[in-house]
């Protein structure tokens, strides 16, 4: 059984981007950013424990689909000046 994956959409004024943080039991293991033309880039971080992360493929696919949906929702919402 896989662990619970969490997706959070965040922004950082120092980096001037919006990004998705993927975490598992309060440990961030990946970050997804949206680039030019709607392409996505994922950065996967090593675990603090040194052990590999293990996830059910369906859980990972669902988390990435949620990231894509959240970015679409942000892109479709009117921007405030």
PDB file of N, CA and C in Angstrom:
ATOM      1  N   UNK A   1       0.840  -1.183   0.000  1.00  0.00           N
ATOM      2  CA  UNK A   1       0.000   0.000   0.000  1.00  0.00           C
ATOM      3  C   UNK A   1       0.881   1.241   0.000  1.00  0.00           C
ATOM      4  N   UNK A   2       0.511   2.216  -0.786  1.00  0.00           N
ATOM      5  CA  UNK A   2       1.292   3.443  -0.881  1.00  0.00           C
ATOM      6  C   UNK A   2       0.931   4.416   0.222  1.00  0.00           C
ATOM      7  N   UNK A   3       1.809   5.369   0.443  1.00  0.00           N
ATOM      8  CA  UNK A   3       1.563   6.412   1.425  1.00  0.00           C
ATOM      9  C   UNK A   3       0.707   7.498   0.792  1.00  0.00           C
ATOM     10  N   UNK A   4       0.118   8.340   1.624  1.00  0.00           N
ATOM     11  CA  UNK A   4      -0.714   9.434   1.120  1.00  0.00           C
ATOM     12  C   UNK A   4       0.142  10.508   0.466  1.00  0.00           C
ATOM     13  N   UNK A   5      -0.194  10.815  -0.766  1.00  0.00           N
ATOM     14  CA  UNK A   5       0.485  11.875  -1.497  1.00  0.00           C
ATOM     15  C   UNK A   5      -0.315  13.162  -1.348  1.00  0.00           C
ATOM     16  N   UNK A   6       0.369  14.247  -1.115  1.00  0.00           N
ATOM     17  CA  UNK A   6      -0.291  15.542  -0.993  1.00  0.00           C
ATOM     18  C   UNK A   6       0.227  16.478  -2.073  1.00  0.00           C
ATOM     19  N   UNK A   7      -0.690  17.286  -2.606  1.00  0.00           N
ATOM     20  CA  UNK A   7      -0.348  18.275  -3.628  1.00  0.00           C
ATOM     21  C   UNK A   7      -0.732  19.645  -3.087  1.00  0.00           C
ATOM     22  N   UNK A   8       0.209  20.580  -3.143  1.00  0.00           N
ATOM     23  CA  UNK A   8      -0.063  21.955  -2.722  1.00  0.00           C
ATOM     24  C   UNK A   8       0.434  22.895  -3.810  1.00  0.00           C
ATOM     25  N   UNK A   9      -0.406  23.833  -4.209  1.00  0.00           N
ATOM     26  CA  UNK A   9      -0.021  24.852  -5.181  1.00  0.00           C
ATOM     27  C   UNK A   9       0.437  26.068  -4.373  1.00  0.00           C
ATOM     28  N   UNK A  10       1.672  26.494  -4.630  1.00  0.00           N
ATOM     29  CA  UNK A  10       2.280  27.559  -3.839  1.00  0.00           C
ATOM     30  C   UNK A  10       2.881  28.623  -4.741  1.00  0.00           C
ATOM     31  N   UNK A  11       3.185  29.752  -4.158  1.00  0.00           N
ATOM     32  CA  UNK A  11       3.928  30.785  -4.877  1.00  0.00           C
ATOM     33  C   UNK A  11       5.030  31.283  -3.959  1.00  0.00           C
ATOM     34  N   UNK A  12       6.034  31.847  -4.577  1.00  0.00           N
ATOM     35  CA  UNK A  12       7.167  32.337  -3.822  1.00  0.00           C
ATOM     36  C   UNK A  12       7.622  33.638  -4.466  1.00  0.00           C
ATOM     37  N   UNK A  13       7.523  34.732  -3.743  1.00  0.00           N
ATOM     38  CA  UNK A  13       7.881  36.029  -4.314  1.00  0.00           C
ATOM     39  C   UNK A  13       9.365  36.107  -4.669  1.00  0.00           C
ATOM     40  N   UNK A  14      10.205  35.385  -3.924  1.00  0.00           N
ATOM     41  CA  UNK A  14      11.636  35.389  -4.234  1.00  0.00           C
ATOM     42  C   UNK A  14      11.933  34.706  -5.565  1.00  0.00           C
ATOM     43  N   UNK A  15      11.103  33.739  -5.928  1.00  0.00           N
ATOM     44  CA  UNK A  15      11.316  32.997  -7.168  1.00  0.00           C
ATOM     45  C   UNK A  15      10.410  33.477  -8.297  1.00  0.00           C
ATOM     46  N   UNK A  16       9.385  34.256  -7.987  1.00  0.00           N
ATOM     47  CA  UNK A  16       8.464  34.809  -8.979  1.00  0.00           C
ATOM     48  C   UNK A  16       7.801  33.723  -9.833  1.00  0.00           C
ATOM     49  N   UNK A  17       7.431  32.621  -9.180  1.00  0.00           N
ATOM     50  CA  UNK A  17       6.735  31.546  -9.889  1.00  0.00           C
ATOM     51  C   UNK A  17       5.646  30.963  -9.002  1.00  0.00           C
ATOM     52  N   UNK A  18       4.748  30.246  -9.644  1.00  0.00           N
ATOM     53  CA  UNK A  18       3.782  29.402  -8.948  1.00  0.00           C
ATOM     54  C   UNK A  18       4.230  27.972  -9.216  1.00  0.00           C
ATOM     55  N   UNK A  19       4.203  27.144  -8.200  1.00  0.00           N
ATOM     56  CA  UNK A  19       4.671  25.776  -8.364  1.00  0.00           C
ATOM     57  C   UNK A  19       3.810  24.828  -7.537  1.00  0.00           C
ATOM     58  N   UNK A  20       3.888  23.566  -7.874  1.00  0.00           N
ATOM     59  CA  UNK A  20       3.193  22.539  -7.118  1.00  0.00           C
ATOM     60  C   UNK A  20       4.219  21.762  -6.319  1.00  0.00           C
ATOM     61  N   UNK A  21       3.932  21.598  -5.071  1.00  0.00           N
ATOM     62  CA  UNK A  21       4.805  20.821  -4.193  1.00  0.00           C
ATOM     63  C   UNK A  21       4.131  19.485  -3.941  1.00  0.00           C
ATOM     64  N   UNK A  22       4.845  18.400  -4.200  1.00  0.00           N
ATOM     65  CA  UNK A  22       4.338  17.061  -3.916  1.00  0.00           C
ATOM     66  C   UNK A  22       5.050  16.563  -2.678  1.00  0.00           C
ATOM     67  N   UNK A  23       4.268  16.134  -1.701  1.00  0.00           N
ATOM     68  CA  UNK A  23       4.862  15.672  -0.457  1.00  0.00           C
ATOM     69  C   UNK A  23       4.183  14.387   0.006  1.00  0.00           C
ATOM     70  N   UNK A  24       4.840  13.745   0.945  1.00  0.00           N
ATOM     71  CA  UNK A  24       4.377  12.484   1.483  1.00  0.00           C
ATOM     72  C   UNK A  24       4.754  12.469   2.957  1.00  0.00           C
ATOM     73  N   UNK A  25       3.752  12.427   3.815  1.00  0.00           N
ATOM     74  CA  UNK A  25       3.998  12.469   5.249  1.00  0.00           C
ATOM     75  C   UNK A  25       4.880  13.658   5.647  1.00  0.00           C
ATOM     76  N   UNK A  26       4.544  14.828   5.146  1.00  0.00           N
ATOM     77  CA  UNK A  26       5.214  16.095   5.463  1.00  0.00           C
ATOM     78  C   UNK A  26       6.634  16.218   4.934  1.00  0.00           C
ATOM     79  N   UNK A  27       7.052  15.354   4.032  1.00  0.00           N
ATOM     80  CA  UNK A  27       8.366  15.474   3.401  1.00  0.00           C
ATOM     81  C   UNK A  27       8.175  15.731   1.911  1.00  0.00           C
ATOM     82  N   UNK A  28       8.635  16.895   1.447  1.00  0.00           N
ATOM     83  CA  UNK A  28       8.520  17.207   0.033  1.00  0.00           C
ATOM     84  C   UNK A  28       9.457  16.308  -0.760  1.00  0.00           C
ATOM     85  N   UNK A  29       8.926  15.697  -1.814  1.00  0.00           N
ATOM     86  CA  UNK A  29       9.766  14.828  -2.634  1.00  0.00           C
ATOM     87  C   UNK A  29       9.852  15.293  -4.078  1.00  0.00           C
ATOM     88  N   UNK A  30       8.986  16.238  -4.461  1.00  0.00           N
ATOM     89  CA  UNK A  30       9.045  16.734  -5.839  1.00  0.00           C
ATOM     90  C   UNK A  30       8.409  18.108  -5.934  1.00  0.00           C
ATOM     91  N   UNK A  31       8.759  18.794  -7.021  1.00  0.00           N
ATOM     92  CA  UNK A  31       8.189  20.104  -7.327  1.00  0.00           C
ATOM     93  C   UNK A  31       7.908  20.121  -8.820  1.00  0.00           C
ATOM     94  N   UNK A  32       6.736  20.648  -9.180  1.00  0.00           N
ATOM     95  CA  UNK A  32       6.346  20.760 -10.588  1.00  0.00           C
ATOM     96  C   UNK A  32       6.162  22.240 -10.901  1.00  0.00           C
ATOM     97  N   UNK A  33       6.767  22.665 -12.001  1.00  0.00           N
ATOM     98  CA  UNK A  33       6.596  24.034 -12.477  1.00  0.00           C
ATOM     99  C   UNK A  33       6.071  23.999 -13.899  1.00  0.00           C
ATOM    100  N   UNK A  34       5.386  25.056 -14.283  1.00  0.00           N
ATOM    101  CA  UNK A  34       4.874  25.174 -15.641  1.00  0.00           C
ATOM    102  C   UNK A  34       5.749  26.151 -16.406  1.00  0.00           C
ATOM    103  N   UNK A  35       6.221  25.709 -17.557  1.00  0.00           N
ATOM    104  CA  UNK A  35       7.079  26.540 -18.375  1.00  0.00           C
ATOM    105  C   UNK A  35       6.322  27.175 -19.523  1.00  0.00           C
ATOM    106  N   UNK A  36       7.086  27.739 -20.428  1.00  0.00           N
ATOM    107  CA  UNK A  36       6.516  28.368 -21.622  1.00  0.00           C
ATOM    108  C   UNK A  36       5.706  27.359 -22.417  1.00  0.00           C
ATOM    109  N   UNK A  37       4.596  27.805 -22.957  1.00  0.00           N
ATOM    110  CA  UNK A  37       3.778  26.952 -23.809  1.00  0.00           C
ATOM    111  C   UNK A  37       3.028  25.867 -23.067  1.00  0.00           C
ATOM    112  N   UNK A  38       2.938  25.983 -21.745  1.00  0.00           N
ATOM    113  CA  UNK A  38       2.173  25.013 -20.978  1.00  0.00           C
ATOM    114  C   UNK A  38       2.877  23.690 -20.707  1.00  0.00           C
ATOM    115  N   UNK A  39       4.186  23.644 -20.940  1.00  0.00           N
ATOM    116  CA  UNK A  39       4.912  22.420 -20.625  1.00  0.00           C
ATOM    117  C   UNK A  39       5.189  22.360 -19.129  1.00  0.00           C
ATOM    118  N   UNK A  40       5.283  21.164 -18.604  1.00  0.00           N
ATOM    119  CA  UNK A  40       5.524  20.977 -17.184  1.00  0.00           C
ATOM    120  C   UNK A  40       6.887  20.342 -16.973  1.00  0.00           C
ATOM    121  N   UNK A  41       7.536  20.740 -15.883  1.00  0.00           N
ATOM    122  CA  UNK A  41       8.840  20.181 -15.526  1.00  0.00           C
ATOM    123  C   UNK A  41       8.741  19.720 -14.074  1.00  0.00           C
ATOM    124  N   UNK A  42       9.238  18.515 -13.821  1.00  0.00           N
ATOM    125  CA  UNK A  42       9.220  17.984 -12.467  1.00  0.00           C
ATOM    126  C   UNK A  42      10.651  17.815 -11.970  1.00  0.00           C
ATOM    127  N   UNK A  43      10.879  18.261 -10.753  1.00  0.00           N
ATOM    128  CA  UNK A  43      12.154  18.068 -10.079  1.00  0.00           C
ATOM    129  C   UNK A  43      11.887  17.114  -8.925  1.00  0.00           C
ATOM    130  N   UNK A  44      12.637  16.022  -8.859  1.00  0.00           N
ATOM    131  CA  UNK A  44      12.466  15.032  -7.802  1.00  0.00           C
ATOM    132  C   UNK A  44      13.664  15.137  -6.863  1.00  0.00           C
ATOM    133  N   UNK A  45      13.360  15.278  -5.578  1.00  0.00           N
ATOM    134  CA  UNK A  45      14.391  15.464  -4.568  1.00  0.00           C
ATOM    135  C   UNK A  45      14.723  14.134  -3.891  1.00  0.00           C
ATOM    136  N   UNK A  46      15.950  13.964  -3.413  1.00  0.00           N
ATOM    137  CA  UNK A  46      16.291  12.749  -2.667  1.00  0.00           C
ATOM    138  C   UNK A  46      15.607  12.763  -1.303  1.00  0.00           C
ATOM    139  N   UNK A  47      15.345  11.594  -0.775  1.00  0.00           N
ATOM    140  CA  UNK A  47      14.702  11.523   0.539  1.00  0.00           C
ATOM    141  C   UNK A  47      15.709  11.854   1.639  1.00  0.00           C
ATOM    142  N   UNK A  48      15.195  12.397   2.715  1.00  0.00           N
ATOM    143  CA  UNK A  48      16.033  12.737   3.856  1.00  0.00           C
ATOM    144  C   UNK A  48      16.652  11.467   4.451  1.00  0.00           C
ATOM    145  N   UNK A  49      15.896  10.389   4.440  1.00  0.00           N
ATOM    146  CA  UNK A  49      16.371   9.139   5.039  1.00  0.00           C
ATOM    147  C   UNK A  49      17.409   8.424   4.186  1.00  0.00           C
ATOM    148  N   UNK A  50      17.486   8.787   2.916  1.00  0.00           N
ATOM    149  CA  UNK A  50      18.398   8.093   2.013  1.00  0.00           C
ATOM    150  C   UNK A  50      17.773   6.884   1.353  1.00  0.00           C
ATOM    151  N   UNK A  51      16.570   6.511   1.783  1.00  0.00           N
ATOM    152  CA  UNK A  51      15.868   5.380   1.177  1.00  0.00           C
ATOM    153  C   UNK A  51      15.048   5.882  -0.016  1.00  0.00           C
ATOM    154  N   UNK A  52      14.868   5.043  -1.023  1.00  0.00           N
ATOM    155  CA  UNK A  52      14.079   5.495  -2.178  1.00  0.00           C
ATOM    156  C   UNK A  52      12.607   5.668  -1.809  1.00  0.00           C
ATOM    157  N   UNK A  53      11.970   6.616  -2.467  1.00  0.00           N
ATOM    158  CA  UNK A  53      10.524   6.762  -2.337  1.00  0.00           C
ATOM    159  C   UNK A  53       9.876   5.646  -3.134  1.00  0.00           C
ATOM    160  N   UNK A  54       8.777   5.117  -2.629  1.00  0.00           N
ATOM    161  CA  UNK A  54       8.013   4.093  -3.345  1.00  0.00           C
ATOM    162  C   UNK A  54       6.547   4.501  -3.299  1.00  0.00           C
ATOM    163  N   UNK A  55       5.944   4.564  -4.485  1.00  0.00           N
ATOM    164  CA  UNK A  55       4.550   4.950  -4.604  1.00  0.00           C
ATOM    165  C   UNK A  55       3.844   3.988  -5.536  1.00  0.00           C
ATOM    166  N   UNK A  56       2.554   3.860  -5.325  1.00  0.00           N
ATOM    167  CA  UNK A  56       1.722   3.161  -6.291  1.00  0.00           C
ATOM    168  C   UNK A  56       1.658   4.050  -7.531  1.00  0.00           C
ATOM    169  N   UNK A  57       1.778   3.454  -8.705  1.00  0.00           N
ATOM    170  CA  UNK A  57       1.768   4.223  -9.950  1.00  0.00           C
ATOM    171  C   UNK A  57       0.466   5.014 -10.077  1.00  0.00           C
ATOM    172  N   UNK A  58      -0.640   4.415  -9.720  1.00  0.00           N
ATOM    173  CA  UNK A  58      -1.932   5.111  -9.822  1.00  0.00           C
ATOM    174  C   UNK A  58      -1.959   6.351  -8.927  1.00  0.00           C
ATOM    175  N   UNK A  59      -1.355   6.254  -7.734  1.00  0.00           N
ATOM    176  CA  UNK A  59      -1.312   7.420  -6.837  1.00  0.00           C
ATOM    177  C   UNK A  59      -0.486   8.547  -7.444  1.00  0.00           C
ATOM    178  N   UNK A  60       0.636   8.199  -8.048  1.00  0.00           N
ATOM    179  CA  UNK A  60       1.480   9.204  -8.699  1.00  0.00           C
ATOM    180  C   UNK A  60       0.754   9.835  -9.885  1.00  0.00           C
ATOM    181  N   UNK A  61       0.105   9.004 -10.689  1.00  0.00           N
ATOM    182  CA  UNK A  61      -0.646   9.530 -11.837  1.00  0.00           C
ATOM    183  C   UNK A  61      -1.756  10.467 -11.378  1.00  0.00           C
ATOM    184  N   UNK A  62      -2.457  10.091 -10.308  1.00  0.00           N
ATOM    185  CA  UNK A  62      -3.527  10.944  -9.785  1.00  0.00           C
ATOM    186  C   UNK A  62      -2.986  12.273  -9.267  1.00  0.00           C
ATOM    187  N   UNK A  63      -1.855  12.244  -8.587  1.00  0.00           N
ATOM    188  CA  UNK A  63      -1.258  13.482  -8.066  1.00  0.00           C
ATOM    189  C   UNK A  63      -0.849  14.392  -9.214  1.00  0.00           C
ATOM    190  N   UNK A  64      -0.230  13.831 -10.250  1.00  0.00           N
ATOM    191  CA  UNK A  64       0.191  14.650 -11.389  1.00  0.00           C
ATOM    192  C   UNK A  64      -1.012  15.185 -12.161  1.00  0.00           C
ATOM    193  N   UNK A  65      -2.084  14.405 -12.255  1.00  0.00           N
ATOM    194  CA  UNK A  65      -3.309  14.894 -12.899  1.00  0.00           C
ATOM    195  C   UNK A  65      -3.903  16.044 -12.095  1.00  0.00           C
ATOM    196  N   UNK A  66      -3.841  15.951 -10.775  1.00  0.00           N
ATOM    197  CA  UNK A  66      -4.324  17.039  -9.922  1.00  0.00           C
ATOM    198  C   UNK A  66      -3.491  18.303 -10.125  1.00  0.00           C
ATOM    199  N   UNK A  67      -2.174  18.145 -10.238  1.00  0.00           N
ATOM    200  CA  UNK A  67      -1.294  19.290 -10.500  1.00  0.00           C
ATOM    201  C   UNK A  67      -1.692  19.963 -11.803  1.00  0.00           C
ATOM    202  N   UNK A  68      -1.853  19.171 -12.846  1.00  0.00           N
ATOM    203  CA  UNK A  68      -2.217  19.716 -14.160  1.00  0.00           C
ATOM    204  C   UNK A  68      -3.559  20.453 -14.078  1.00  0.00           C
ATOM    205  N   UNK A  69      -4.528  19.858 -13.402  1.00  0.00           N
ATOM    206  CA  UNK A  69      -5.853  20.479 -13.279  1.00  0.00           C
ATOM    207  C   UNK A  69      -5.777  21.797 -12.505  1.00  0.00           C
ATOM    208  N   UNK A  70      -4.998  21.829 -11.428  1.00  0.00           N
ATOM    209  CA  UNK A  70      -4.870  23.049 -10.640  1.00  0.00           C
ATOM    210  C   UNK A  70      -4.182  24.168 -11.435  1.00  0.00           C
ATOM    211  N   UNK A  71      -3.138  23.810 -12.197  1.00  0.00           N
ATOM    212  CA  UNK A  71      -2.491  24.819 -13.037  1.00  0.00           C
ATOM    213  C   UNK A  71      -3.455  25.338 -14.105  1.00  0.00           C
ATOM    214  N   UNK A  72      -4.241  24.459 -14.697  1.00  0.00           N
ATOM    215  CA  UNK A  72      -5.235  24.898 -15.698  1.00  0.00           C
ATOM    216  C   UNK A  72      -6.230  25.861 -15.077  1.00  0.00           C
ATOM    217  N   UNK A  73      -6.689  25.520 -13.866  1.00  0.00           N
ATOM    218  CA  UNK A  73      -7.656  26.375 -13.181  1.00  0.00           C
ATOM    219  C   UNK A  73      -7.049  27.757 -12.939  1.00  0.00           C
ATOM    220  N   UNK A  74      -5.785  27.796 -12.514  1.00  0.00           N
ATOM    221  CA  UNK A  74      -5.116  29.086 -12.299  1.00  0.00           C
ATOM    222  C   UNK A  74      -4.977  29.864 -13.601  1.00  0.00           C
ATOM    223  N   UNK A  75      -4.619  29.168 -14.672  1.00  0.00           N
ATOM    224  CA  UNK A  75      -4.419  29.833 -15.970  1.00  0.00           C
ATOM    225  C   UNK A  75      -5.729  30.350 -16.552  1.00  0.00           C
ATOM    226  N   UNK A  76      -6.847  29.688 -16.219  1.00  0.00           N
ATOM    227  CA  UNK A  76      -8.142  30.083 -16.742  1.00  0.00           C
ATOM    228  C   UNK A  76      -8.816  31.177 -15.905  1.00  0.00           C
ATOM    229  N   UNK A  77      -8.338  31.408 -14.686  1.00  0.00           N
ATOM    230  CA  UNK A  77      -8.964  32.406 -13.831  1.00  0.00           C
ATOM    231  C   UNK A  77      -8.481  33.797 -14.232  1.00  0.00           C
ATOM    232  N   UNK A  78      -9.370  34.791 -14.078  1.00  0.00           N
ATOM    233  CA  UNK A  78      -8.965  36.171 -14.400  1.00  0.00           C
ATOM    234  C   UNK A  78      -7.858  36.648 -13.459  1.00  0.00           C
ATOM    235  N   UNK A  79      -6.899  37.329 -14.017  1.00  0.00           N
ATOM    236  CA  UNK A  79      -5.775  37.875 -13.231  1.00  0.00           C
ATOM    237  C   UNK A  79      -6.173  39.205 -12.616  1.00  0.00           C
ATOM    238  N   UNK A  80      -5.746  39.432 -11.378  1.00  0.00           N
ATOM    239  CA  UNK A  80      -5.990  40.720 -10.731  1.00  0.00           C
ATOM    240  C   UNK A  80      -4.726  41.542 -10.805  1.00  0.00           C
ATOM    241  N   UNK A  81      -4.855  42.776 -11.146  1.00  0.00           N
ATOM    242  CA  UNK A  81      -3.718  43.700 -11.244  1.00  0.00           C
ATOM    243  C   UNK A  81      -3.420  44.319  -9.907  1.00  0.00           C
TER     244      UNK A  81
END
